[in-house]
Amino acid sequence: MTTNSSFRALFIDQVQKPAEDIQLDLAALYLAGEEYPNLDIPKLLSQLDAFATRVSLQVNDKSSPSDMARAIAVYLFADVGFRGNSGEYYSPDNSYLNRVLETRTGIPITLSLVFMEVGRRLGLSCSGIGLPGHFIVGLDGTGEYLDPFNGGVPLSLEDCRTLVQKMSGGRLEWTDQFLEPLTKHDILFRMLNNLKSIYMEAAALPKAIGVIQRMAIISPGIPSIYQELAWCHAQQHEFRLAIAALETYLKDATDPEDIKRVRGQIEGLQTTLSHLN
């Protein structure tokens, strides 16, 4: 049986590959393995293979990207029954690819991942697009988009603008940068960030710590990660680990006031530790 630590090692190995060699489906399953250490990765990957095989019967070499995307969307969302999990949107299972494949429900990013991985197997060039508050898929080089959370409905540029206005309550001014394709690291980081928010809200701190640690593996230069890691450790009275996280934070800190504040936090934790010894 693969253990939690084994899945962490597999995840690290996968995300440290050159970008073109990272397998997004595999990395997402390694991510899920810490929560579900008994998952059968070959079986789950074969499901994605089977989806692509079925869609391949509906398309050919002359199919346009739009036709290919439409065929994938019809198969996944109409035939197989993948759908957005509006009723339990904040369930952590929506961020675990194995559970999304099992339940046929998910949130925008994981349903987009399923679509993109089926598309990749069919040679469809598409990318994840992280609109503020909503994740969609773009068909590379076409200016066309689709929304896997809502049945794969096609989206125009104007539809994307409207979606951002709706999600932000009109507070965000549109910029075309919203449509920049995300990297594989970006997508995995965003999946982990969703899980971090859920676990911290639920005070499931050991799980939050595991998630934050993997966020730091992907993007080690983000200082706030170490602040959150330190907070979680401190809440669990793991003061030495909290201090270590803050010391890592200080390595890249540049603001004098910020450095002073964090050093004060470290001193406070050290004082607490000395009282315990």
C-alpha atoms as a PDB file:
ATOM      1  CA  MET A   1       0.000   0.000   0.000  1.00  0.00           C
ATOM      2  CA  THR A   2       1.250   3.484  -0.811  1.00  0.00           C
ATOM      3  CA  THR A   3       1.514   5.573   2.356  1.00  0.00           C
ATOM      4  CA  ASN A   4       0.816   9.262   2.884  1.00  0.00           C
ATOM      5  CA  SER A   5       4.549  10.031   2.954  1.00  0.00           C
ATOM      6  CA  SER A   6       5.012   8.071  -0.272  1.00  0.00           C
ATOM      7  CA  PHE A   7       2.348  10.153  -1.968  1.00  0.00           C
ATOM      8  CA  ARG A   8       4.082  13.320  -0.736  1.00  0.00           C
ATOM      9  CA  ALA A   9       7.341  12.117  -2.278  1.00  0.00           C
ATOM     10  CA  LEU A  10       5.592  11.248  -5.547  1.00  0.00           C
ATOM     11  CA  PHE A  11       3.926  14.681  -5.599  1.00  0.00           C
ATOM     12  CA  ILE A  12       7.249  16.434  -5.013  1.00  0.00           C
ATOM     13  CA  ASP A  13       8.915  14.410  -7.753  1.00  0.00           C
ATOM     14  CA  GLN A  14       6.115  15.218 -10.181  1.00  0.00           C
ATOM     15  CA  VAL A  15       5.947  18.986  -9.585  1.00  0.00           C
ATOM     16  CA  GLN A  16       9.720  19.367  -9.737  1.00  0.00           C
ATOM     17  CA  LYS A  17       9.872  18.041 -13.294  1.00  0.00           C
ATOM     18  CA  PRO A  18      10.238  20.467 -16.227  1.00  0.00           C
ATOM     19  CA  ALA A  19       6.840  22.048 -16.908  1.00  0.00           C
ATOM     20  CA  GLU A  20       6.264  20.134 -20.140  1.00  0.00           C
ATOM     21  CA  ASP A  21       6.864  16.823 -18.344  1.00  0.00           C
ATOM     22  CA  ILE A  22       4.451  17.370 -15.455  1.00  0.00           C
ATOM     23  CA  GLN A  23       1.389  15.137 -15.776  1.00  0.00           C
ATOM     24  CA  LEU A  24      -1.433  17.180 -14.309  1.00  0.00           C
ATOM     25  CA  ASP A  25      -3.754  14.212 -13.777  1.00  0.00           C
ATOM     26  CA  LEU A  26      -1.016  12.256 -12.003  1.00  0.00           C
ATOM     27  CA  ALA A  27       0.018  15.210  -9.827  1.00  0.00           C
ATOM     28  CA  ALA A  28      -3.622  15.785  -8.846  1.00  0.00           C
ATOM     29  CA  LEU A  29      -3.987  12.132  -7.863  1.00  0.00           C
ATOM     30  CA  TYR A  30      -0.765  12.227  -5.824  1.00  0.00           C
ATOM     31  CA  LEU A  31      -2.222  15.305  -4.127  1.00  0.00           C
ATOM     32  CA  ALA A  32      -5.340  13.299  -3.281  1.00  0.00           C
ATOM     33  CA  GLY A  33      -3.324  10.325  -2.073  1.00  0.00           C
ATOM     34  CA  GLU A  34      -2.507  11.910   1.281  1.00  0.00           C
ATOM     35  CA  GLU A  35      -6.227  12.037   2.054  1.00  0.00           C
ATOM     36  CA  TYR A  36      -7.030   8.742   0.336  1.00  0.00           C
ATOM     37  CA  PRO A  37      -3.937   6.525   0.663  1.00  0.00           C
ATOM     38  CA  ASN A  38      -5.743   3.481  -0.762  1.00  0.00           C
ATOM     39  CA  LEU A  39      -6.620   5.045  -4.100  1.00  0.00           C
ATOM     40  CA  ASP A  40      -5.899   2.993  -7.217  1.00  0.00           C
ATOM     41  CA  ILE A  41      -4.062   5.396  -9.504  1.00  0.00           C
ATOM     42  CA  PRO A  42      -3.801   3.139 -12.602  1.00  0.00           C
ATOM     43  CA  LYS A  43      -7.551   2.463 -12.399  1.00  0.00           C
ATOM     44  CA  LEU A  44      -8.369   6.157 -12.120  1.00  0.00           C
ATOM     45  CA  LEU A  45      -6.075   7.093 -15.018  1.00  0.00           C
ATOM     46  CA  SER A  46      -7.689   4.356 -17.103  1.00  0.00           C
ATOM     47  CA  GLN A  47     -11.066   6.067 -16.562  1.00  0.00           C
ATOM     48  CA  LEU A  48      -9.714   9.200 -18.225  1.00  0.00           C
ATOM     49  CA  ASP A  49      -8.261   7.039 -21.008  1.00  0.00           C
ATOM     50  CA  ALA A  50     -11.659   5.406 -21.509  1.00  0.00           C
ATOM     51  CA  PHE A  51     -13.428   8.780 -21.676  1.00  0.00           C
ATOM     52  CA  ALA A  52     -11.027   9.898 -24.396  1.00  0.00           C
ATOM     53  CA  THR A  53     -11.476   6.648 -26.306  1.00  0.00           C
ATOM     54  CA  ARG A  54     -15.249   7.088 -26.325  1.00  0.00           C
ATOM     55  CA  VAL A  55     -14.999  10.688 -27.532  1.00  0.00           C
ATOM     56  CA  SER A  56     -12.521   9.654 -30.249  1.00  0.00           C
ATOM     57  CA  LEU A  57     -15.342   7.670 -31.883  1.00  0.00           C
ATOM     58  CA  GLN A  58     -17.244  10.943 -32.407  1.00  0.00           C
ATOM     59  CA  VAL A  59     -14.405  13.018 -33.923  1.00  0.00           C
ATOM     60  CA  ASN A  60     -11.707  12.699 -36.566  1.00  0.00           C
ATOM     61  CA  ASP A  61      -8.511  14.383 -37.742  1.00  0.00           C
ATOM     62  CA  LYS A  62     -10.524  17.052 -39.553  1.00  0.00           C
ATOM     63  CA  SER A  63     -12.516  18.084 -36.476  1.00  0.00           C
ATOM     64  CA  SER A  64     -11.942  21.708 -35.468  1.00  0.00           C
ATOM     65  CA  PRO A  65     -10.968  22.548 -31.878  1.00  0.00           C
ATOM     66  CA  SER A  66     -14.534  23.799 -31.341  1.00  0.00           C
ATOM     67  CA  ASP A  67     -16.023  20.535 -32.603  1.00  0.00           C
ATOM     68  CA  MET A  68     -13.601  18.510 -30.501  1.00  0.00           C
ATOM     69  CA  ALA A  69     -14.409  20.543 -27.390  1.00  0.00           C
ATOM     70  CA  ARG A  70     -18.137  20.220 -28.043  1.00  0.00           C
ATOM     71  CA  ALA A  71     -17.829  16.437 -28.376  1.00  0.00           C
ATOM     72  CA  ILE A  72     -15.885  16.196 -25.099  1.00  0.00           C
ATOM     73  CA  ALA A  73     -18.389  18.423 -23.311  1.00  0.00           C
ATOM     74  CA  VAL A  74     -21.404  16.455 -24.559  1.00  0.00           C
ATOM     75  CA  TYR A  75     -19.835  13.176 -23.523  1.00  0.00           C
ATOM     76  CA  LEU A  76     -18.596  14.276 -20.080  1.00  0.00           C
ATOM     77  CA  PHE A  77     -21.503  16.446 -19.001  1.00  0.00           C
ATOM     78  CA  ALA A  78     -24.499  14.971 -20.817  1.00  0.00           C
ATOM     79  CA  ASP A  79     -23.604  11.293 -21.259  1.00  0.00           C
ATOM     80  CA  VAL A  80     -21.383  10.541 -18.240  1.00  0.00           C
ATOM     81  CA  GLY A  81     -23.128  13.105 -16.040  1.00  0.00           C
ATOM     82  CA  PHE A  82     -20.322  15.229 -14.588  1.00  0.00           C
ATOM     83  CA  ARG A  83     -21.817  18.315 -12.975  1.00  0.00           C
ATOM     84  CA  GLY A  84     -21.027  21.184 -10.665  1.00  0.00           C
ATOM     85  CA  ASN A  85     -21.547  20.355  -6.995  1.00  0.00           C
ATOM     86  CA  SER A  86     -23.528  23.469  -6.075  1.00  0.00           C
ATOM     87  CA  GLY A  87     -25.160  21.834  -3.060  1.00  0.00           C
ATOM     88  CA  GLU A  88     -21.875  20.930  -1.329  1.00  0.00           C
ATOM     89  CA  TYR A  89     -19.562  23.398  -3.036  1.00  0.00           C
ATOM     90  CA  TYR A  90     -17.176  23.626  -0.072  1.00  0.00           C
ATOM     91  CA  SER A  91     -16.748  19.906   0.487  1.00  0.00           C
ATOM     92  CA  PRO A  92     -13.029  19.025   0.302  1.00  0.00           C
ATOM     93  CA  ASP A  93     -13.906  16.051  -1.905  1.00  0.00           C
ATOM     94  CA  ASN A  94     -14.600  18.483  -4.741  1.00  0.00           C
ATOM     95  CA  SER A  95     -10.864  19.213  -4.853  1.00  0.00           C
ATOM     96  CA  TYR A  96      -9.739  15.583  -4.921  1.00  0.00           C
ATOM     97  CA  LEU A  97      -9.623  14.178  -8.446  1.00  0.00           C
ATOM     98  CA  ASN A  98     -10.352  10.601  -7.356  1.00  0.00           C
ATOM     99  CA  ARG A  99     -13.575  11.687  -5.651  1.00  0.00           C
ATOM    100  CA  VAL A 100     -14.586  13.847  -8.600  1.00  0.00           C
ATOM    101  CA  LEU A 101     -14.193  10.827 -10.878  1.00  0.00           C
ATOM    102  CA  GLU A 102     -16.144   8.629  -8.451  1.00  0.00           C
ATOM    103  CA  THR A 103     -19.016  11.004  -7.679  1.00  0.00           C
ATOM    104  CA  ARG A 104     -19.124  12.790 -11.071  1.00  0.00           C
ATOM    105  CA  THR A 105     -19.331  16.087  -9.173  1.00  0.00           C
ATOM    106  CA  GLY A 106     -16.795  18.815  -8.541  1.00  0.00           C
ATOM    107  CA  ILE A 107     -15.979  22.488  -8.508  1.00  0.00           C
ATOM    108  CA  PRO A 108     -14.921  24.534 -11.549  1.00  0.00           C
ATOM    109  CA  ILE A 109     -11.194  23.768 -11.300  1.00  0.00           C
ATOM    110  CA  THR A 110     -11.486  19.999 -10.939  1.00  0.00           C
ATOM    111  CA  LEU A 111     -14.167  19.648 -13.615  1.00  0.00           C
ATOM    112  CA  SER A 112     -11.941  21.758 -15.876  1.00  0.00           C
ATOM    113  CA  LEU A 113      -9.029  19.443 -15.063  1.00  0.00           C
ATOM    114  CA  VAL A 114     -11.079  16.407 -16.142  1.00  0.00           C
ATOM    115  CA  PHE A 115     -12.010  18.179 -19.388  1.00  0.00           C
ATOM    116  CA  MET A 116      -8.415  19.250 -20.076  1.00  0.00           C
ATOM    117  CA  GLU A 117      -6.993  15.798 -19.405  1.00  0.00           C
ATOM    118  CA  VAL A 118      -9.489  14.152 -21.754  1.00  0.00           C
ATOM    119  CA  GLY A 119      -8.690  16.862 -24.296  1.00  0.00           C
ATOM    120  CA  ARG A 120      -4.951  16.273 -23.905  1.00  0.00           C
ATOM    121  CA  ARG A 121      -5.404  12.601 -24.690  1.00  0.00           C
ATOM    122  CA  LEU A 122      -7.196  13.592 -27.887  1.00  0.00           C
ATOM    123  CA  GLY A 123      -4.648  16.198 -28.950  1.00  0.00           C
ATOM    124  CA  LEU A 124      -6.867  19.177 -28.124  1.00  0.00           C
ATOM    125  CA  SER A 125      -4.762  22.184 -27.162  1.00  0.00           C
ATOM    126  CA  CYS A 126      -6.551  23.846 -24.243  1.00  0.00           C
ATOM    127  CA  SER A 127      -5.634  25.644 -21.030  1.00  0.00           C
ATOM    128  CA  GLY A 128      -6.991  26.388 -17.592  1.00  0.00           C
ATOM    129  CA  ILE A 129      -8.147  29.982 -17.167  1.00  0.00           C
ATOM    130  CA  GLY A 130      -8.369  31.294 -13.605  1.00  0.00           C
ATOM    131  CA  LEU A 131     -10.975  34.022 -13.776  1.00  0.00           C
ATOM    132  CA  PRO A 132     -11.485  35.773 -10.430  1.00  0.00           C
ATOM    133  CA  GLY A 133     -13.831  33.491  -8.518  1.00  0.00           C
ATOM    134  CA  HIS A 134     -14.381  31.020 -11.343  1.00  0.00           C
ATOM    135  CA  PHE A 135     -12.272  28.574 -13.333  1.00  0.00           C
ATOM    136  CA  ILE A 136     -12.905  27.880 -17.020  1.00  0.00           C
ATOM    137  CA  VAL A 137     -11.140  26.313 -20.000  1.00  0.00           C
ATOM    138  CA  GLY A 138      -9.789  28.184 -23.020  1.00  0.00           C
ATOM    139  CA  LEU A 139      -9.261  26.623 -26.436  1.00  0.00           C
ATOM    140  CA  ASP A 140      -5.734  27.742 -27.272  1.00  0.00           C
ATOM    141  CA  GLY A 141      -5.436  30.215 -30.124  1.00  0.00           C
ATOM    142  CA  THR A 142      -9.165  30.417 -30.838  1.00  0.00           C
ATOM    143  CA  GLY A 143     -10.494  33.053 -28.442  1.00  0.00           C
ATOM    144  CA  GLU A 144     -13.131  30.502 -27.403  1.00  0.00           C
ATOM    145  CA  TYR A 145     -13.834  29.350 -23.868  1.00  0.00           C
ATOM    146  CA  LEU A 146     -16.122  26.944 -22.054  1.00  0.00           C
ATOM    147  CA  ASP A 147     -17.443  26.496 -18.531  1.00  0.00           C
ATOM    148  CA  PRO A 148     -17.168  22.899 -17.261  1.00  0.00           C
ATOM    149  CA  PHE A 149     -18.949  23.749 -13.998  1.00  0.00           C
ATOM    150  CA  ASN A 150     -22.027  24.645 -16.017  1.00  0.00           C
ATOM    151  CA  GLY A 151     -22.159  21.706 -18.376  1.00  0.00           C
ATOM    152  CA  GLY A 152     -19.356  22.846 -20.677  1.00  0.00           C
ATOM    153  CA  VAL A 153     -21.402  25.751 -22.064  1.00  0.00           C
ATOM    154  CA  PRO A 154     -19.388  27.814 -24.604  1.00  0.00           C
ATOM    155  CA  LEU A 155     -18.271  31.271 -23.502  1.00  0.00           C
ATOM    156  CA  SER A 156     -17.371  34.270 -25.632  1.00  0.00           C
ATOM    157  CA  LEU A 157     -15.057  37.050 -24.481  1.00  0.00           C
ATOM    158  CA  GLU A 158     -18.121  39.088 -23.583  1.00  0.00           C
ATOM    159  CA  ASP A 159     -19.511  36.158 -21.591  1.00  0.00           C
ATOM    160  CA  CYS A 160     -16.241  36.053 -19.627  1.00  0.00           C
ATOM    161  CA  ARG A 161     -16.492  39.757 -18.887  1.00  0.00           C
ATOM    162  CA  THR A 162     -20.063  39.317 -17.679  1.00  0.00           C
ATOM    163  CA  LEU A 163     -19.056  36.353 -15.524  1.00  0.00           C
ATOM    164  CA  VAL A 164     -16.330  38.350 -13.773  1.00  0.00           C
ATOM    165  CA  GLN A 165     -18.718  41.245 -13.178  1.00  0.00           C
ATOM    166  CA  LYS A 166     -21.242  38.828 -11.668  1.00  0.00           C
ATOM    167  CA  MET A 167     -18.707  36.973  -9.502  1.00  0.00           C
ATOM    168  CA  SER A 168     -17.196  40.226  -8.187  1.00  0.00           C
ATOM    169  CA  GLY A 169     -20.479  42.037  -7.709  1.00  0.00           C
ATOM    170  CA  GLY A 170     -19.279  44.644 -10.204  1.00  0.00           C
ATOM    171  CA  ARG A 171     -16.239  45.527  -8.072  1.00  0.00           C
ATOM    172  CA  LEU A 172     -13.554  44.284 -10.474  1.00  0.00           C
ATOM    173  CA  GLU A 173     -12.562  46.182 -13.568  1.00  0.00           C
ATOM    174  CA  TRP A 174     -11.977  43.865 -16.501  1.00  0.00           C
ATOM    175  CA  THR A 175      -8.482  43.202 -17.767  1.00  0.00           C
ATOM    176  CA  ASP A 176      -7.468  40.788 -20.505  1.00  0.00           C
ATOM    177  CA  GLN A 177      -4.883  39.397 -18.074  1.00  0.00           C
ATOM    178  CA  PHE A 178      -7.760  37.455 -16.517  1.00  0.00           C
ATOM    179  CA  LEU A 179      -7.664  35.255 -19.631  1.00  0.00           C
ATOM    180  CA  GLU A 180      -3.967  34.385 -19.379  1.00  0.00           C
ATOM    181  CA  PRO A 181      -3.541  30.577 -19.356  1.00  0.00           C
ATOM    182  CA  LEU A 182      -2.411  29.170 -16.042  1.00  0.00           C
ATOM    183  CA  THR A 183       0.608  26.917 -15.707  1.00  0.00           C
ATOM    184  CA  LYS A 184       0.316  23.414 -14.274  1.00  0.00           C
ATOM    185  CA  HIS A 185       1.904  24.724 -11.087  1.00  0.00           C
ATOM    186  CA  ASP A 186      -0.705  27.500 -10.959  1.00  0.00           C
ATOM    187  CA  ILE A 187      -3.532  24.984 -11.256  1.00  0.00           C
ATOM    188  CA  LEU A 188      -2.192  22.676  -8.562  1.00  0.00           C
ATOM    189  CA  PHE A 189      -1.488  25.642  -6.279  1.00  0.00           C
ATOM    190  CA  ARG A 190      -5.042  26.887  -6.757  1.00  0.00           C
ATOM    191  CA  MET A 191      -6.450  23.439  -5.941  1.00  0.00           C
ATOM    192  CA  LEU A 192      -4.375  23.343  -2.772  1.00  0.00           C
ATOM    193  CA  ASN A 193      -5.388  26.889  -1.865  1.00  0.00           C
ATOM    194  CA  ASN A 194      -9.050  25.869  -2.049  1.00  0.00           C
ATOM    195  CA  LEU A 195      -8.353  22.967   0.301  1.00  0.00           C
ATOM    196  CA  LYS A 196      -6.358  25.185   2.670  1.00  0.00           C
ATOM    197  CA  SER A 197      -9.285  27.589   3.007  1.00  0.00           C
ATOM    198  CA  ILE A 198     -11.717  24.738   3.666  1.00  0.00           C
ATOM    199  CA  TYR A 199      -9.534  23.042   6.273  1.00  0.00           C
ATOM    200  CA  MET A 200      -8.637  26.268   8.085  1.00  0.00           C
ATOM    201  CA  GLU A 201     -12.299  27.282   8.183  1.00  0.00           C
ATOM    202  CA  ALA A 202     -13.127  23.872   9.676  1.00  0.00           C
ATOM    203  CA  ALA A 203     -10.175  24.088  12.111  1.00  0.00           C
ATOM    204  CA  ALA A 204      -8.830  20.848  10.630  1.00  0.00           C
ATOM    205  CA  LEU A 205      -5.315  22.086  11.270  1.00  0.00           C
ATOM    206  CA  PRO A 206      -3.259  18.922  10.657  1.00  0.00           C
ATOM    207  CA  LYS A 207      -4.823  18.668   7.205  1.00  0.00           C
ATOM    208  CA  ALA A 208      -4.328  22.394   6.620  1.00  0.00           C
ATOM    209  CA  ILE A 209      -0.648  22.011   7.507  1.00  0.00           C
ATOM    210  CA  GLY A 210      -0.201  19.205   4.970  1.00  0.00           C
ATOM    211  CA  VAL A 211      -1.829  21.327   2.296  1.00  0.00           C
ATOM    212  CA  ILE A 212       0.230  24.440   3.088  1.00  0.00           C
ATOM    213  CA  GLN A 213       3.440  22.404   3.047  1.00  0.00           C
ATOM    214  CA  ARG A 214       2.638  21.310  -0.515  1.00  0.00           C
ATOM    215  CA  MET A 215       1.824  24.885  -1.506  1.00  0.00           C
ATOM    216  CA  ALA A 216       5.317  25.807  -0.311  1.00  0.00           C
ATOM    217  CA  ILE A 217       6.814  23.044  -2.450  1.00  0.00           C
ATOM    218  CA  ILE A 218       5.177  24.537  -5.555  1.00  0.00           C
ATOM    219  CA  SER A 219       5.763  28.223  -4.703  1.00  0.00           C
ATOM    220  CA  PRO A 220       8.409  28.514  -1.995  1.00  0.00           C
ATOM    221  CA  GLY A 221       8.814  32.272  -2.455  1.00  0.00           C
ATOM    222  CA  ILE A 222       5.391  33.330  -1.149  1.00  0.00           C
ATOM    223  CA  PRO A 223       5.925  34.660   2.395  1.00  0.00           C
ATOM    224  CA  SER A 224       2.273  34.424   3.510  1.00  0.00           C
ATOM    225  CA  ILE A 225       2.449  30.635   3.195  1.00  0.00           C
ATOM    226  CA  TYR A 226       4.905  30.468   6.099  1.00  0.00           C
ATOM    227  CA  GLN A 227       2.854  32.854   8.209  1.00  0.00           C
ATOM    228  CA  GLU A 228      -0.167  30.573   7.815  1.00  0.00           C
ATOM    229  CA  LEU A 229       1.948  27.488   8.471  1.00  0.00           C
ATOM    230  CA  ALA A 230       3.340  29.058  11.647  1.00  0.00           C
ATOM    231  CA  TRP A 231      -0.155  29.998  12.830  1.00  0.00           C
ATOM    232  CA  CYS A 232      -1.435  26.439  12.339  1.00  0.00           C
ATOM    233  CA  HIS A 233       1.530  24.952  14.194  1.00  0.00           C
ATOM    234  CA  ALA A 234       1.201  27.456  17.039  1.00  0.00           C
ATOM    235  CA  GLN A 235      -2.513  26.675  17.412  1.00  0.00           C
ATOM    236  CA  GLN A 236      -1.513  23.049  17.953  1.00  0.00           C
ATOM    237  CA  HIS A 237       1.227  24.036  20.442  1.00  0.00           C
ATOM    238  CA  GLU A 238       3.890  22.910  17.961  1.00  0.00           C
ATOM    239  CA  PHE A 239       5.998  25.928  18.835  1.00  0.00           C
ATOM    240  CA  ARG A 240       9.334  24.777  17.430  1.00  0.00           C
ATOM    241  CA  LEU A 241       7.713  24.077  14.072  1.00  0.00           C
ATOM    242  CA  ALA A 242       5.992  27.479  14.193  1.00  0.00           C
ATOM    243  CA  ILE A 243       9.338  29.167  14.850  1.00  0.00           C
ATOM    244  CA  ALA A 244      10.955  27.266  11.970  1.00  0.00           C
ATOM    245  CA  ALA A 245       8.184  28.419   9.623  1.00  0.00           C
ATOM    246  CA  LEU A 246       8.626  32.057  10.654  1.00  0.00           C
ATOM    247  CA  GLU A 247      12.401  31.811  10.247  1.00  0.00           C
ATOM    248  CA  THR A 248      11.820  30.570   6.705  1.00  0.00           C
ATOM    249  CA  TYR A 249       9.504  33.540   6.201  1.00  0.00           C
ATOM    250  CA  LEU A 250      12.261  35.942   7.259  1.00  0.00           C
ATOM    251  CA  LYS A 251      14.671  34.635   4.630  1.00  0.00           C
ATOM    252  CA  ASP A 252      12.773  36.517   1.893  1.00  0.00           C
ATOM    253  CA  ALA A 253      11.259  39.319   3.955  1.00  0.00           C
ATOM    254  CA  THR A 254      12.336  42.836   2.947  1.00  0.00           C
ATOM    255  CA  ASP A 255      10.033  45.241   4.797  1.00  0.00           C
ATOM    256  CA  PRO A 256      11.749  46.442   8.021  1.00  0.00           C
ATOM    257  CA  GLU A 257       8.484  46.755   9.951  1.00  0.00           C
ATOM    258  CA  ASP A 258       7.416  43.302   8.812  1.00  0.00           C
ATOM    259  CA  ILE A 259      10.765  41.809   9.830  1.00  0.00           C
ATOM    260  CA  LYS A 260      10.506  43.466  13.240  1.00  0.00           C
ATOM    261  CA  ARG A 261       6.959  42.150  13.745  1.00  0.00           C
ATOM    262  CA  VAL A 262       7.883  38.575  12.782  1.00  0.00           C
ATOM    263  CA  ARG A 263      10.982  38.597  14.990  1.00  0.00           C
ATOM    264  CA  GLY A 264       8.698  39.663  17.825  1.00  0.00           C
ATOM    265  CA  GLN A 265       6.441  36.706  17.067  1.00  0.00           C
ATOM    266  CA  ILE A 266       9.449  34.371  17.164  1.00  0.00           C
ATOM    267  CA  GLU A 267      10.566  35.809  20.504  1.00  0.00           C
ATOM    268  CA  GLY A 268       7.070  35.314  21.890  1.00  0.00           C
ATOM    269  CA  LEU A 269       7.039  31.685  20.788  1.00  0.00           C
ATOM    270  CA  GLN A 270      10.506  31.128  22.252  1.00  0.00           C
ATOM    271  CA  THR A 271       9.318  32.574  25.553  1.00  0.00           C
ATOM    272  CA  THR A 272       6.351  30.228  25.537  1.00  0.00           C
ATOM    273  CA  LEU A 273       8.668  27.312  24.843  1.00  0.00           C
ATOM    274  CA  SER A 274      11.011  28.252  27.691  1.00  0.00           C
ATOM    275  CA  HIS A 275       8.081  28.267  30.119  1.00  0.00           C
ATOM    276  CA  LEU A 276       7.143  24.770  29.034  1.00  0.00           C
ATOM    277  CA  ASN A 277      10.633  23.343  29.600  1.00  0.00           C
END
